[in-house]
């Protein structure tokens, strides 16, 4: 089951990159493995990325189509500034 989730996620990223026809998709895909320190990304749904604090509370939600490493970092920085 878990393998199927990751396979669907990878397929979704591939489609997004092909649809965009630009490098932003690679930026977002790279962000999955490099969430800012103290945060993690929930990628269980291939259409939505959730930025979570270390305690599991939600910071932000991103469309998988529009998410970029920069937007994810900015949301984490805004959250740090608010706390």
C-alpha atoms as a PDB file:
ATOM      1  CA  UNK A   1       0.000   0.000   0.000  1.00  0.00           C
ATOM      2  CA  UNK A   2       2.754   2.471   0.960  1.00  0.00           C
ATOM      3  CA  UNK A   3       4.676   1.655  -2.208  1.00  0.00           C
ATOM      4  CA  UNK A   4       1.539   2.448  -4.199  1.00  0.00           C
ATOM      5  CA  UNK A   5       1.225   5.863  -2.511  1.00  0.00           C
ATOM      6  CA  UNK A   6       4.837   6.764  -3.306  1.00  0.00           C
ATOM      7  CA  UNK A   7       4.468   5.490  -6.859  1.00  0.00           C
ATOM      8  CA  UNK A   8       1.354   7.640  -7.377  1.00  0.00           C
ATOM      9  CA  UNK A   9       3.143  10.657  -5.919  1.00  0.00           C
ATOM     10  CA  UNK A  10       6.129  10.172  -8.214  1.00  0.00           C
ATOM     11  CA  UNK A  11       3.841   9.776 -11.217  1.00  0.00           C
ATOM     12  CA  UNK A  12       1.987  12.960 -10.253  1.00  0.00           C
ATOM     13  CA  UNK A  13       5.262  14.922 -10.053  1.00  0.00           C
ATOM     14  CA  UNK A  14       6.274  13.587 -13.450  1.00  0.00           C
ATOM     15  CA  UNK A  15       2.961  14.738 -14.986  1.00  0.00           C
ATOM     16  CA  UNK A  16       3.272  18.143 -13.344  1.00  0.00           C
ATOM     17  CA  UNK A  17       6.779  18.643 -14.700  1.00  0.00           C
ATOM     18  CA  UNK A  18       5.699  17.621 -18.189  1.00  0.00           C
ATOM     19  CA  UNK A  19       2.648  19.917 -18.100  1.00  0.00           C
ATOM     20  CA  UNK A  20       4.665  22.892 -16.951  1.00  0.00           C
ATOM     21  CA  UNK A  21       7.390  22.452 -19.510  1.00  0.00           C
ATOM     22  CA  UNK A  22       9.814  24.295 -17.218  1.00  0.00           C
ATOM     23  CA  UNK A  23      12.135  23.641 -14.315  1.00  0.00           C
ATOM     24  CA  UNK A  24       9.782  24.707 -11.495  1.00  0.00           C
ATOM     25  CA  UNK A  25       8.569  21.130 -11.121  1.00  0.00           C
ATOM     26  CA  UNK A  26      12.093  20.016 -10.296  1.00  0.00           C
ATOM     27  CA  UNK A  27      12.291  22.739  -7.670  1.00  0.00           C
ATOM     28  CA  UNK A  28       9.105  21.497  -5.992  1.00  0.00           C
ATOM     29  CA  UNK A  29      10.150  17.863  -6.230  1.00  0.00           C
ATOM     30  CA  UNK A  30      13.477  18.715  -4.615  1.00  0.00           C
ATOM     31  CA  UNK A  31      11.618  20.491  -1.825  1.00  0.00           C
ATOM     32  CA  UNK A  32       9.988  17.236  -0.744  1.00  0.00           C
ATOM     33  CA  UNK A  33      13.265  15.907   0.563  1.00  0.00           C
ATOM     34  CA  UNK A  34      14.515  19.200   1.939  1.00  0.00           C
ATOM     35  CA  UNK A  35      11.855  20.775   4.137  1.00  0.00           C
ATOM     36  CA  UNK A  36      13.284  23.515   6.364  1.00  0.00           C
ATOM     37  CA  UNK A  37      14.724  22.416   9.698  1.00  0.00           C
ATOM     38  CA  UNK A  38      11.941  21.818  12.210  1.00  0.00           C
ATOM     39  CA  UNK A  39       9.373  21.142   9.472  1.00  0.00           C
ATOM     40  CA  UNK A  40       8.342  18.232   7.292  1.00  0.00           C
ATOM     41  CA  UNK A  41       6.230  17.771   4.188  1.00  0.00           C
ATOM     42  CA  UNK A  42       3.325  15.367   4.104  1.00  0.00           C
ATOM     43  CA  UNK A  43       3.079  14.017   0.560  1.00  0.00           C
ATOM     44  CA  UNK A  44       0.467  11.284   1.048  1.00  0.00           C
ATOM     45  CA  UNK A  45      -1.886  12.999  -1.402  1.00  0.00           C
ATOM     46  CA  UNK A  46      -0.248  13.505  -4.809  1.00  0.00           C
ATOM     47  CA  UNK A  47      -2.347  16.630  -5.386  1.00  0.00           C
ATOM     48  CA  UNK A  48      -1.581  18.408  -2.088  1.00  0.00           C
ATOM     49  CA  UNK A  49       1.560  19.053  -0.060  1.00  0.00           C
ATOM     50  CA  UNK A  50       1.177  19.864   3.630  1.00  0.00           C
ATOM     51  CA  UNK A  51       3.911  21.726   5.469  1.00  0.00           C
ATOM     52  CA  UNK A  52       3.893  20.496   9.064  1.00  0.00           C
ATOM     53  CA  UNK A  53       5.754  21.550  12.182  1.00  0.00           C
ATOM     54  CA  UNK A  54       7.825  18.905  13.957  1.00  0.00           C
ATOM     55  CA  UNK A  55       4.883  18.330  16.348  1.00  0.00           C
ATOM     56  CA  UNK A  56       2.613  17.534  13.382  1.00  0.00           C
ATOM     57  CA  UNK A  57       0.539  20.718  13.377  1.00  0.00           C
ATOM     58  CA  UNK A  58      -0.202  22.140   9.933  1.00  0.00           C
ATOM     59  CA  UNK A  59       1.500  25.327   8.786  1.00  0.00           C
ATOM     60  CA  UNK A  60       0.409  25.533   5.155  1.00  0.00           C
ATOM     61  CA  UNK A  61      -1.075  23.557   2.291  1.00  0.00           C
ATOM     62  CA  UNK A  62       0.162  23.755  -1.283  1.00  0.00           C
ATOM     63  CA  UNK A  63      -1.197  22.554  -4.572  1.00  0.00           C
ATOM     64  CA  UNK A  64       1.284  20.041  -5.905  1.00  0.00           C
ATOM     65  CA  UNK A  65       1.031  21.867  -9.223  1.00  0.00           C
ATOM     66  CA  UNK A  66       2.060  25.225  -7.806  1.00  0.00           C
ATOM     67  CA  UNK A  67       4.388  24.331  -4.961  1.00  0.00           C
ATOM     68  CA  UNK A  68       7.995  25.432  -5.212  1.00  0.00           C
ATOM     69  CA  UNK A  69      10.880  25.094  -2.791  1.00  0.00           C
ATOM     70  CA  UNK A  70      10.808  28.894  -2.438  1.00  0.00           C
ATOM     71  CA  UNK A  71       7.114  29.029  -1.506  1.00  0.00           C
ATOM     72  CA  UNK A  72       7.609  26.251   1.041  1.00  0.00           C
ATOM     73  CA  UNK A  73      10.620  28.005   2.584  1.00  0.00           C
ATOM     74  CA  UNK A  74       8.703  31.299   2.702  1.00  0.00           C
ATOM     75  CA  UNK A  75       5.788  29.665   4.530  1.00  0.00           C
ATOM     76  CA  UNK A  76       8.180  28.170   7.086  1.00  0.00           C
ATOM     77  CA  UNK A  77       9.922  31.528   7.579  1.00  0.00           C
ATOM     78  CA  UNK A  78       6.566  33.298   8.007  1.00  0.00           C
ATOM     79  CA  UNK A  79       5.564  30.671  10.555  1.00  0.00           C
ATOM     80  CA  UNK A  80       8.809  31.101  12.484  1.00  0.00           C
ATOM     81  CA  UNK A  81       8.293  34.865  12.517  1.00  0.00           C
ATOM     82  CA  UNK A  82       4.739  34.478  13.829  1.00  0.00           C
ATOM     83  CA  UNK A  83       5.804  32.227  16.682  1.00  0.00           C
END
